[in-house]
Amino acid sequence: MKKTGNSKLTGLDQFIEKEYGKRGTEKRDEFEAGYEVFKLGALLHDARVAKGLTQEELAARVGKNKSYISKIENDIKEVRLSTLQEIVEVGLGGKVRVSISL
C-alpha cells in the first residue's frame, strides 16, 4: 500500500504487523485464522445481498432457519464445507472455490 502525503498514516499490512507481529508468529496466526472465518461470513452476506435475498429466503431455499444463516454471516457459528457448498450452490446459484496456499 502506498503511503500518502501524511507521514502518520500506515498501510493495513503495517498496522497488522505492529498489532499482531510478523507472519508465522503464534499471535499473527491466530489473528489470520479468525480473519478467514470472519471473511467467509462477510462473503456469504455480500453474495446473498447481491442476489436480493433475505436471510429467511436463503434459509428456506436450503432447508435451514434464518438464525442459522445469520450466525454464519456474523461469525457466531462455523459452517461445514458441505453445508457452505449447499448454501452457495442451491441457495445462491453460485460455486464455492477453495484454495490452499503453502
PDB file of N, CA and C in Angstrom:
ATOM      1  N   MET A   1       0.853  -1.165   0.000  1.00  0.00           N
ATOM      2  CA  MET A   1       0.000   0.000   0.000  1.00  0.00           C
ATOM      3  C   MET A   1       0.895   1.222   0.000  1.00  0.00           C
ATOM      4  N   LYS A   2       0.608   2.177  -0.838  1.00  0.00           N
ATOM      5  CA  LYS A   2       1.399   3.391  -0.921  1.00  0.00           C
ATOM      6  C   LYS A   2       1.082   4.308   0.237  1.00  0.00           C
ATOM      7  N   LYS A   3       2.124   4.968   0.706  1.00  0.00           N
ATOM      8  CA  LYS A   3       1.906   5.983   1.730  1.00  0.00           C
ATOM      9  C   LYS A   3       1.394   7.246   1.064  1.00  0.00           C
ATOM     10  N   THR A   4       0.541   7.947   1.769  1.00  0.00           N
ATOM     11  CA  THR A   4       0.044   9.217   1.267  1.00  0.00           C
ATOM     12  C   THR A   4       0.962  10.323   1.770  1.00  0.00           C
ATOM     13  N   GLY A   5       0.627  11.540   1.503  1.00  0.00           N
ATOM     14  CA  GLY A   5       1.413  12.673   1.941  1.00  0.00           C
ATOM     15  C   GLY A   5       1.495  12.795   3.455  1.00  0.00           C
ATOM     16  N   ASN A   6       0.558  12.224   4.168  1.00  0.00           N
ATOM     17  CA  ASN A   6       0.542  12.289   5.622  1.00  0.00           C
ATOM     18  C   ASN A   6       1.421  11.168   6.170  1.00  0.00           C
ATOM     19  N   SER A   7       2.573  11.529   6.755  1.00  0.00           N
ATOM     20  CA  SER A   7       3.531  10.518   7.214  1.00  0.00           C
ATOM     21  C   SER A   7       3.035   9.746   8.430  1.00  0.00           C
ATOM     22  N   LYS A   8       1.943  10.162   9.047  1.00  0.00           N
ATOM     23  CA  LYS A   8       1.408   9.454  10.207  1.00  0.00           C
ATOM     24  C   LYS A   8       0.526   8.279   9.804  1.00  0.00           C
ATOM     25  N   LEU A   9       0.161   8.186   8.539  1.00  0.00           N
ATOM     26  CA  LEU A   9      -0.687   7.091   8.065  1.00  0.00           C
ATOM     27  C   LEU A   9       0.171   5.870   7.762  1.00  0.00           C
ATOM     28  N   THR A  10      -0.351   4.703   8.101  1.00  0.00           N
ATOM     29  CA  THR A  10       0.324   3.460   7.762  1.00  0.00           C
ATOM     30  C   THR A  10      -0.637   2.572   6.984  1.00  0.00           C
ATOM     31  N   GLY A  11      -0.083   1.655   6.251  1.00  0.00           N
ATOM     32  CA  GLY A  11      -0.894   0.718   5.490  1.00  0.00           C
ATOM     33  C   GLY A  11      -1.456  -0.379   6.382  1.00  0.00           C
ATOM     34  N   LEU A  12      -2.417  -1.114   5.858  1.00  0.00           N
ATOM     35  CA  LEU A  12      -3.047  -2.197   6.604  1.00  0.00           C
ATOM     36  C   LEU A  12      -2.024  -3.250   7.021  1.00  0.00           C
ATOM     37  N   ASP A  13      -1.140  -3.633   6.104  1.00  0.00           N
ATOM     38  CA  ASP A  13      -0.134  -4.648   6.430  1.00  0.00           C
ATOM     39  C   ASP A  13       0.766  -4.187   7.566  1.00  0.00           C
ATOM     40  N   GLN A  14       1.146  -2.925   7.540  1.00  0.00           N
ATOM     41  CA  GLN A  14       1.999  -2.385   8.609  1.00  0.00           C
ATOM     42  C   GLN A  14       1.251  -2.374   9.943  1.00  0.00           C
ATOM     43  N   PHE A  15      -0.009  -2.006   9.902  1.00  0.00           N
ATOM     44  CA  PHE A  15      -0.813  -1.981  11.122  1.00  0.00           C
ATOM     45  C   PHE A  15      -0.933  -3.379  11.713  1.00  0.00           C
ATOM     46  N   ILE A  16      -1.253  -4.359  10.874  1.00  0.00           N
ATOM     47  CA  ILE A  16      -1.420  -5.736  11.344  1.00  0.00           C
ATOM     48  C   ILE A  16      -0.110  -6.256  11.925  1.00  0.00           C
ATOM     49  N   GLU A  17       0.995  -5.976  11.259  1.00  0.00           N
ATOM     50  CA  GLU A  17       2.285  -6.439  11.768  1.00  0.00           C
ATOM     51  C   GLU A  17       2.605  -5.802  13.114  1.00  0.00           C
ATOM     52  N   LYS A  18       2.299  -4.531  13.268  1.00  0.00           N
ATOM     53  CA  LYS A  18       2.548  -3.838  14.535  1.00  0.00           C
ATOM     54  C   LYS A  18       1.696  -4.435  15.658  1.00  0.00           C
ATOM     55  N   GLU A  19       0.404  -4.705  15.358  1.00  0.00           N
ATOM     56  CA  GLU A  19      -0.520  -5.190  16.385  1.00  0.00           C
ATOM     57  C   GLU A  19      -0.386  -6.681  16.677  1.00  0.00           C
ATOM     58  N   TYR A  20      -0.089  -7.478  15.631  1.00  0.00           N
ATOM     59  CA  TYR A  20      -0.125  -8.936  15.782  1.00  0.00           C
ATOM     60  C   TYR A  20       1.197  -9.642  15.492  1.00  0.00           C
ATOM     61  N   GLY A  21       2.209  -8.890  15.102  1.00  0.00           N
ATOM     62  CA  GLY A  21       3.516  -9.474  14.843  1.00  0.00           C
ATOM     63  C   GLY A  21       3.680  -9.924  13.405  1.00  0.00           C
ATOM     64  N   LYS A  22       4.845 -10.455  13.121  1.00  0.00           N
ATOM     65  CA  LYS A  22       5.171 -10.913  11.769  1.00  0.00           C
ATOM     66  C   LYS A  22       4.454 -12.221  11.462  1.00  0.00           C
ATOM     67  N   ARG A  23       4.285 -12.495  10.178  1.00  0.00           N
ATOM     68  CA  ARG A  23       3.679 -13.761   9.743  1.00  0.00           C
ATOM     69  C   ARG A  23       4.478 -14.923  10.312  1.00  0.00           C
ATOM     70  N   GLY A  24       3.769 -15.938  10.769  1.00  0.00           N
ATOM     71  CA  GLY A  24       4.417 -17.117  11.327  1.00  0.00           C
ATOM     72  C   GLY A  24       4.493 -17.119  12.844  1.00  0.00           C
ATOM     73  N   THR A  25       4.209 -15.975  13.457  1.00  0.00           N
ATOM     74  CA  THR A  25       4.184 -15.957  14.921  1.00  0.00           C
ATOM     75  C   THR A  25       2.818 -16.446  15.391  1.00  0.00           C
ATOM     76  N   GLU A  26       2.764 -16.951  16.612  1.00  0.00           N
ATOM     77  CA  GLU A  26       1.519 -17.523  17.124  1.00  0.00           C
ATOM     78  C   GLU A  26       0.380 -16.497  17.142  1.00  0.00           C
ATOM     79  N   LYS A  27       0.663 -15.304  17.626  1.00  0.00           N
ATOM     80  CA  LYS A  27      -0.368 -14.269  17.715  1.00  0.00           C
ATOM     81  C   LYS A  27      -0.887 -13.900  16.321  1.00  0.00           C
ATOM     82  N   ARG A  28       0.004 -13.788  15.360  1.00  0.00           N
ATOM     83  CA  ARG A  28      -0.394 -13.439  13.990  1.00  0.00           C
ATOM     84  C   ARG A  28      -1.200 -14.571  13.366  1.00  0.00           C
ATOM     85  N   ASP A  29      -0.780 -15.813  13.583  1.00  0.00           N
ATOM     86  CA  ASP A  29      -1.504 -16.959  13.031  1.00  0.00           C
ATOM     87  C   ASP A  29      -2.928 -17.030  13.580  1.00  0.00           C
ATOM     88  N   GLU A  30      -3.095 -16.767  14.866  1.00  0.00           N
ATOM     89  CA  GLU A  30      -4.435 -16.761  15.470  1.00  0.00           C
ATOM     90  C   GLU A  30      -5.296 -15.660  14.863  1.00  0.00           C
ATOM     91  N   PHE A  31      -4.707 -14.478  14.684  1.00  0.00           N
ATOM     92  CA  PHE A  31      -5.433 -13.363  14.066  1.00  0.00           C
ATOM     93  C   PHE A  31      -5.878 -13.727  12.657  1.00  0.00           C
ATOM     94  N   GLU A  32      -4.981 -14.252  11.854  1.00  0.00           N
ATOM     95  CA  GLU A  32      -5.306 -14.565  10.461  1.00  0.00           C
ATOM     96  C   GLU A  32      -6.333 -15.681  10.355  1.00  0.00           C
ATOM     97  N   ALA A  33      -6.288 -16.661  11.251  1.00  0.00           N
ATOM     98  CA  ALA A  33      -7.286 -17.733  11.246  1.00  0.00           C
ATOM     99  C   ALA A  33      -8.665 -17.155  11.558  1.00  0.00           C
ATOM    100  N   GLY A  34      -8.738 -16.269  12.524  1.00  0.00           N
ATOM    101  CA  GLY A  34     -10.006 -15.618  12.859  1.00  0.00           C
ATOM    102  C   GLY A  34     -10.520 -14.759  11.730  1.00  0.00           C
ATOM    103  N   TYR A  35      -9.616 -14.089  11.042  1.00  0.00           N
ATOM    104  CA  TYR A  35      -9.999 -13.242   9.911  1.00  0.00           C
ATOM    105  C   TYR A  35     -10.607 -14.075   8.791  1.00  0.00           C
ATOM    106  N   GLU A  36     -10.043 -15.237   8.528  1.00  0.00           N
ATOM    107  CA  GLU A  36     -10.559 -16.084   7.456  1.00  0.00           C
ATOM    108  C   GLU A  36     -11.993 -16.513   7.744  1.00  0.00           C
ATOM    109  N   VAL A  37     -12.289 -16.844   9.000  1.00  0.00           N
ATOM    110  CA  VAL A  37     -13.654 -17.220   9.363  1.00  0.00           C
ATOM    111  C   VAL A  37     -14.586 -16.032   9.187  1.00  0.00           C
ATOM    112  N   PHE A  38     -14.151 -14.863   9.658  1.00  0.00           N
ATOM    113  CA  PHE A  38     -14.957 -13.649   9.509  1.00  0.00           C
ATOM    114  C   PHE A  38     -15.192 -13.350   8.038  1.00  0.00           C
ATOM    115  N   LYS A  39     -14.156 -13.478   7.241  1.00  0.00           N
ATOM    116  CA  LYS A  39     -14.247 -13.167   5.822  1.00  0.00           C
ATOM    117  C   LYS A  39     -15.282 -14.058   5.141  1.00  0.00           C
ATOM    118  N   LEU A  40     -15.353 -15.308   5.541  1.00  0.00           N
ATOM    119  CA  LEU A  40     -16.320 -16.233   4.960  1.00  0.00           C
ATOM    120  C   LEU A  40     -17.747 -15.745   5.203  1.00  0.00           C
ATOM    121  N   GLY A  41     -18.041 -15.341   6.432  1.00  0.00           N
ATOM    122  CA  GLY A  41     -19.369 -14.822   6.752  1.00  0.00           C
ATOM    123  C   GLY A  41     -19.689 -13.568   5.965  1.00  0.00           C
ATOM    124  N   ALA A  42     -18.703 -12.690   5.830  1.00  0.00           N
ATOM    125  CA  ALA A  42     -18.899 -11.446   5.077  1.00  0.00           C
ATOM    126  C   ALA A  42     -19.131 -11.741   3.592  1.00  0.00           C
ATOM    127  N   LEU A  43     -18.409 -12.698   3.048  1.00  0.00           N
ATOM    128  CA  LEU A  43     -18.595 -13.070   1.642  1.00  0.00           C
ATOM    129  C   LEU A  43     -19.987 -13.638   1.404  1.00  0.00           C
ATOM    130  N   LEU A  44     -20.435 -14.489   2.326  1.00  0.00           N
ATOM    131  CA  LEU A  44     -21.774 -15.065   2.205  1.00  0.00           C
ATOM    132  C   LEU A  44     -22.832 -13.964   2.271  1.00  0.00           C
ATOM    133  N   HIS A  45     -22.673 -13.052   3.216  1.00  0.00           N
ATOM    134  CA  HIS A  45     -23.608 -11.930   3.348  1.00  0.00           C
ATOM    135  C   HIS A  45     -23.668 -11.123   2.056  1.00  0.00           C
ATOM    136  N   ASP A  46     -22.504 -10.757   1.530  1.00  0.00           N
ATOM    137  CA  ASP A  46     -22.455  -9.945   0.308  1.00  0.00           C
ATOM    138  C   ASP A  46     -23.092 -10.665  -0.874  1.00  0.00           C
ATOM    139  N   ALA A  47     -22.859 -11.974  -0.980  1.00  0.00           N
ATOM    140  CA  ALA A  47     -23.443 -12.754  -2.082  1.00  0.00           C
ATOM    141  C   ALA A  47     -24.959 -12.804  -1.954  1.00  0.00           C
ATOM    142  N   ARG A  48     -25.443 -12.998  -0.735  1.00  0.00           N
ATOM    143  CA  ARG A  48     -26.898 -13.053  -0.502  1.00  0.00           C
ATOM    144  C   ARG A  48     -27.551 -11.718  -0.867  1.00  0.00           C
ATOM    145  N   VAL A  49     -26.948 -10.636  -0.416  1.00  0.00           N
ATOM    146  CA  VAL A  49     -27.489  -9.304  -0.711  1.00  0.00           C
ATOM    147  C   VAL A  49     -27.449  -9.036  -2.217  1.00  0.00           C
ATOM    148  N   ALA A  50     -26.370  -9.439  -2.868  1.00  0.00           N
ATOM    149  CA  ALA A  50     -26.252  -9.241  -4.320  1.00  0.00           C
ATOM    150  C   ALA A  50     -27.350  -9.987  -5.074  1.00  0.00           C
ATOM    151  N   LYS A  51     -27.781 -11.124  -4.539  1.00  0.00           N
ATOM    152  CA  LYS A  51     -28.872 -11.891  -5.147  1.00  0.00           C
ATOM    153  C   LYS A  51     -30.243 -11.345  -4.760  1.00  0.00           C
ATOM    154  N   GLY A  52     -30.277 -10.355  -3.873  1.00  0.00           N
ATOM    155  CA  GLY A  52     -31.540  -9.748  -3.465  1.00  0.00           C
ATOM    156  C   GLY A  52     -32.365 -10.624  -2.531  1.00  0.00           C
ATOM    157  N   LEU A  53     -31.691 -11.456  -1.751  1.00  0.00           N
ATOM    158  CA  LEU A  53     -32.394 -12.372  -0.856  1.00  0.00           C
ATOM    159  C   LEU A  53     -32.261 -11.932   0.598  1.00  0.00           C
ATOM    160  N   THR A  54     -33.287 -12.192   1.371  1.00  0.00           N
ATOM    161  CA  THR A  54     -33.200 -12.018   2.813  1.00  0.00           C
ATOM    162  C   THR A  54     -32.584 -13.288   3.397  1.00  0.00           C
ATOM    163  N   GLN A  55     -32.172 -13.211   4.639  1.00  0.00           N
ATOM    164  CA  GLN A  55     -31.665 -14.415   5.306  1.00  0.00           C
ATOM    165  C   GLN A  55     -32.744 -15.482   5.349  1.00  0.00           C
ATOM    166  N   GLU A  56     -33.964 -15.074   5.586  1.00  0.00           N
ATOM    167  CA  GLU A  56     -35.082 -16.015   5.660  1.00  0.00           C
ATOM    168  C   GLU A  56     -35.308 -16.708   4.316  1.00  0.00           C
ATOM    169  N   GLU A  57     -35.232 -15.958   3.218  1.00  0.00           N
ATOM    170  CA  GLU A  57     -35.427 -16.546   1.888  1.00  0.00           C
ATOM    171  C   GLU A  57     -34.310 -17.532   1.557  1.00  0.00           C
ATOM    172  N   LEU A  58     -33.069 -17.154   1.863  1.00  0.00           N
ATOM    173  CA  LEU A  58     -31.945 -18.052   1.610  1.00  0.00           C
ATOM    174  C   LEU A  58     -32.078 -19.319   2.450  1.00  0.00           C
ATOM    175  N   ALA A  59     -32.419 -19.151   3.711  1.00  0.00           N
ATOM    176  CA  ALA A  59     -32.584 -20.298   4.602  1.00  0.00           C
ATOM    177  C   ALA A  59     -33.645 -21.259   4.076  1.00  0.00           C
ATOM    178  N   ALA A  60     -34.753 -20.729   3.604  1.00  0.00           N
ATOM    179  CA  ALA A  60     -35.836 -21.574   3.080  1.00  0.00           C
ATOM    180  C   ALA A  60     -35.383 -22.373   1.865  1.00  0.00           C
ATOM    181  N   ARG A  61     -34.546 -21.781   1.037  1.00  0.00           N
ATOM    182  CA  ARG A  61     -34.066 -22.473  -0.157  1.00  0.00           C
ATOM    183  C   ARG A  61     -33.211 -23.692   0.178  1.00  0.00           C
ATOM    184  N   VAL A  62     -32.543 -23.659   1.324  1.00  0.00           N
ATOM    185  CA  VAL A  62     -31.629 -24.750   1.668  1.00  0.00           C
ATOM    186  C   VAL A  62     -32.085 -25.558   2.881  1.00  0.00           C
ATOM    187  N   GLY A  63     -33.306 -25.332   3.324  1.00  0.00           N
ATOM    188  CA  GLY A  63     -33.852 -26.111   4.422  1.00  0.00           C
ATOM    189  C   GLY A  63     -33.238 -25.818   5.778  1.00  0.00           C
ATOM    190  N   LYS A  64     -32.808 -24.588   5.978  1.00  0.00           N
ATOM    191  CA  LYS A  64     -32.247 -24.159   7.266  1.00  0.00           C
ATOM    192  C   LYS A  64     -33.166 -23.081   7.820  1.00  0.00           C
ATOM    193  N   ASN A  65     -32.845 -22.583   9.016  1.00  0.00           N
ATOM    194  CA  ASN A  65     -33.636 -21.468   9.533  1.00  0.00           C
ATOM    195  C   ASN A  65     -32.833 -20.174   9.455  1.00  0.00           C
ATOM    196  N   LYS A  66     -33.531 -19.069   9.548  1.00  0.00           N
ATOM    197  CA  LYS A  66     -32.922 -17.749   9.400  1.00  0.00           C
ATOM    198  C   LYS A  66     -31.784 -17.544  10.384  1.00  0.00           C
ATOM    199  N   SER A  67     -31.959 -17.988  11.616  1.00  0.00           N
ATOM    200  CA  SER A  67     -30.932 -17.754  12.624  1.00  0.00           C
ATOM    201  C   SER A  67     -29.628 -18.485  12.277  1.00  0.00           C
ATOM    202  N   TYR A  68     -29.717 -19.624  11.615  1.00  0.00           N
ATOM    203  CA  TYR A  68     -28.519 -20.361  11.205  1.00  0.00           C
ATOM    204  C   TYR A  68     -27.717 -19.535  10.199  1.00  0.00           C
ATOM    205  N   ILE A  69     -28.402 -18.986   9.197  1.00  0.00           N
ATOM    206  CA  ILE A  69     -27.741 -18.147   8.202  1.00  0.00           C
ATOM    207  C   ILE A  69     -27.147 -16.917   8.874  1.00  0.00           C
ATOM    208  N   SER A  70     -27.883 -16.300   9.773  1.00  0.00           N
ATOM    209  CA  SER A  70     -27.406 -15.121  10.489  1.00  0.00           C
ATOM    210  C   SER A  70     -26.146 -15.432  11.286  1.00  0.00           C
ATOM    211  N   LYS A  71     -26.129 -16.563  11.953  1.00  0.00           N
ATOM    212  CA  LYS A  71     -24.973 -16.935  12.771  1.00  0.00           C
ATOM    213  C   LYS A  71     -23.734 -17.166  11.912  1.00  0.00           C
ATOM    214  N   ILE A  72     -23.898 -17.727  10.743  1.00  0.00           N
ATOM    215  CA  ILE A  72     -22.762 -17.915   9.835  1.00  0.00           C
ATOM    216  C   ILE A  72     -22.260 -16.552   9.355  1.00  0.00           C
ATOM    217  N   GLU A  73     -23.183 -15.707   8.918  1.00  0.00           N
ATOM    218  CA  GLU A  73     -22.803 -14.390   8.400  1.00  0.00           C
ATOM    219  C   GLU A  73     -22.135 -13.519   9.461  1.00  0.00           C
ATOM    220  N   ASN A  74     -22.508 -13.703  10.710  1.00  0.00           N
ATOM    221  CA  ASN A  74     -21.975 -12.869  11.789  1.00  0.00           C
ATOM    222  C   ASN A  74     -20.873 -13.554  12.587  1.00  0.00           C
ATOM    223  N   ASP A  75     -20.307 -14.618  12.045  1.00  0.00           N
ATOM    224  CA  ASP A  75     -19.166 -15.296  12.648  1.00  0.00           C
ATOM    225  C   ASP A  75     -19.462 -15.822  14.051  1.00  0.00           C
ATOM    226  N   ILE A  76     -20.691 -16.254  14.264  1.00  0.00           N
ATOM    227  CA  ILE A  76     -21.066 -16.838  15.550  1.00  0.00           C
ATOM    228  C   ILE A  76     -21.004 -18.359  15.460  1.00  0.00           C
ATOM    229  N   LYS A  77     -21.250 -18.886  14.268  1.00  0.00           N
ATOM    230  CA  LYS A  77     -21.269 -20.332  14.060  1.00  0.00           C
ATOM    231  C   LYS A  77     -20.376 -20.673  12.875  1.00  0.00           C
ATOM    232  N   GLU A  78     -19.559 -21.714  13.053  1.00  0.00           N
ATOM    233  CA  GLU A  78     -18.760 -22.208  11.948  1.00  0.00           C
ATOM    234  C   GLU A  78     -19.646 -23.080  11.061  1.00  0.00           C
ATOM    235  N   VAL A  79     -19.299 -23.165   9.810  1.00  0.00           N
ATOM    236  CA  VAL A  79     -20.100 -23.927   8.863  1.00  0.00           C
ATOM    237  C   VAL A  79     -19.237 -25.011   8.227  1.00  0.00           C
ATOM    238  N   ARG A  80     -19.810 -26.185   8.072  1.00  0.00           N
ATOM    239  CA  ARG A  80     -19.109 -27.262   7.372  1.00  0.00           C
ATOM    240  C   ARG A  80     -19.008 -26.914   5.899  1.00  0.00           C
ATOM    241  N   LEU A  81     -17.947 -27.382   5.270  1.00  0.00           N
ATOM    242  CA  LEU A  81     -17.740 -27.094   3.858  1.00  0.00           C
ATOM    243  C   LEU A  81     -18.905 -27.604   3.017  1.00  0.00           C
ATOM    244  N   SER A  82     -19.408 -28.785   3.333  1.00  0.00           N
ATOM    245  CA  SER A  82     -20.524 -29.349   2.553  1.00  0.00           C
ATOM    246  C   SER A  82     -21.784 -28.489   2.705  1.00  0.00           C
ATOM    247  N   THR A  83     -21.994 -27.937   3.894  1.00  0.00           N
ATOM    248  CA  THR A  83     -23.159 -27.070   4.114  1.00  0.00           C
ATOM    249  C   THR A  83     -22.972 -25.743   3.398  1.00  0.00           C
ATOM    250  N   LEU A  84     -21.771 -25.190   3.458  1.00  0.00           N
ATOM    251  CA  LEU A  84     -21.485 -23.953   2.735  1.00  0.00           C
ATOM    252  C   LEU A  84     -21.710 -24.155   1.242  1.00  0.00           C
ATOM    253  N   GLN A  85     -21.260 -25.278   0.739  1.00  0.00           N
ATOM    254  CA  GLN A  85     -21.431 -25.586  -0.679  1.00  0.00           C
ATOM    255  C   GLN A  85     -22.919 -25.637  -1.035  1.00  0.00           C
ATOM    256  N   GLU A  86     -23.718 -26.241  -0.192  1.00  0.00           N
ATOM    257  CA  GLU A  86     -25.166 -26.308  -0.428  1.00  0.00           C
ATOM    258  C   GLU A  86     -25.787 -24.912  -0.407  1.00  0.00           C
ATOM    259  N   ILE A  87     -25.400 -24.101   0.553  1.00  0.00           N
ATOM    260  CA  ILE A  87     -25.942 -22.736   0.648  1.00  0.00           C
ATOM    261  C   ILE A  87     -25.596 -21.945  -0.601  1.00  0.00           C
ATOM    262  N   VAL A  88     -24.341 -22.032  -1.023  1.00  0.00           N
ATOM    263  CA  VAL A  88     -23.896 -21.252  -2.183  1.00  0.00           C
ATOM    264  C   VAL A  88     -24.490 -21.799  -3.479  1.00  0.00           C
ATOM    265  N   GLU A  89     -24.450 -23.101  -3.677  1.00  0.00           N
ATOM    266  CA  GLU A  89     -24.893 -23.671  -4.947  1.00  0.00           C
ATOM    267  C   GLU A  89     -26.412 -23.732  -5.061  1.00  0.00           C
ATOM    268  N   VAL A  90     -27.085 -24.257  -4.041  1.00  0.00           N
ATOM    269  CA  VAL A  90     -28.545 -24.403  -4.098  1.00  0.00           C
ATOM    270  C   VAL A  90     -29.226 -23.068  -3.785  1.00  0.00           C
ATOM    271  N   GLY A  91     -28.765 -22.434  -2.725  1.00  0.00           N
ATOM    272  CA  GLY A  91     -29.425 -21.210  -2.279  1.00  0.00           C
ATOM    273  C   GLY A  91     -29.129 -19.988  -3.108  1.00  0.00           C
ATOM    274  N   LEU A  92     -27.878 -19.891  -3.588  1.00  0.00           N
ATOM    275  CA  LEU A  92     -27.471 -18.682  -4.307  1.00  0.00           C
ATOM    276  C   LEU A  92     -27.179 -18.911  -5.789  1.00  0.00           C
ATOM    277  N   GLY A  93     -27.126 -20.166  -6.204  1.00  0.00           N
ATOM    278  CA  GLY A  93     -26.841 -20.456  -7.610  1.00  0.00           C
ATOM    279  C   GLY A  93     -25.396 -20.172  -7.993  1.00  0.00           C
ATOM    280  N   GLY A  94     -24.488 -20.285  -7.035  1.00  0.00           N
ATOM    281  CA  GLY A  94     -23.078 -19.996  -7.293  1.00  0.00           C
ATOM    282  C   GLY A  94     -22.207 -21.223  -7.140  1.00  0.00           C
ATOM    283  N   LYS A  95     -20.924 -21.007  -7.065  1.00  0.00           N
ATOM    284  CA  LYS A  95     -19.925 -22.072  -6.887  1.00  0.00           C
ATOM    285  C   LYS A  95     -18.982 -21.695  -5.765  1.00  0.00           C
ATOM    286  N   VAL A  96     -18.564 -22.683  -5.002  1.00  0.00           N
ATOM    287  CA  VAL A  96     -17.559 -22.473  -3.950  1.00  0.00           C
ATOM    288  C   VAL A  96     -16.212 -22.882  -4.538  1.00  0.00           C
ATOM    289  N   ARG A  97     -15.229 -22.021  -4.358  1.00  0.00           N
ATOM    290  CA  ARG A  97     -13.866 -22.329  -4.774  1.00  0.00           C
ATOM    291  C   ARG A  97     -13.006 -22.329  -3.517  1.00  0.00           C
ATOM    292  N   VAL A  98     -12.182 -23.356  -3.381  1.00  0.00           N
ATOM    293  CA  VAL A  98     -11.292 -23.475  -2.236  1.00  0.00           C
ATOM    294  C   VAL A  98      -9.865 -23.539  -2.749  1.00  0.00           C
ATOM    295  N   SER A  99      -8.970 -22.852  -2.065  1.00  0.00           N
ATOM    296  CA  SER A  99      -7.566 -22.954  -2.436  1.00  0.00           C
ATOM    297  C   SER A  99      -6.738 -23.147  -1.184  1.00  0.00           C
ATOM    298  N   ILE A 100      -5.592 -23.752  -1.373  1.00  0.00           N
ATOM    299  CA  ILE A 100      -4.647 -23.961  -0.285  1.00  0.00           C
ATOM    300  C   ILE A 100      -3.337 -23.305  -0.704  1.00  0.00           C
ATOM    301  N   SER A 101      -2.847 -22.442   0.144  1.00  0.00           N
ATOM    302  CA  SER A 101      -1.574 -21.781  -0.119  1.00  0.00           C
ATOM    303  C   SER A 101      -0.549 -22.263   0.894  1.00  0.00           C
ATOM    304  N   LEU A 102       0.599 -22.617   0.407  1.00  0.00           N
ATOM    305  CA  LEU A 102       1.669 -23.070   1.299  1.00  0.00           C
ATOM    306  C   LEU A 102       2.808 -22.081   1.278  1.00  0.00           C
TER     307      LEU A 102
END
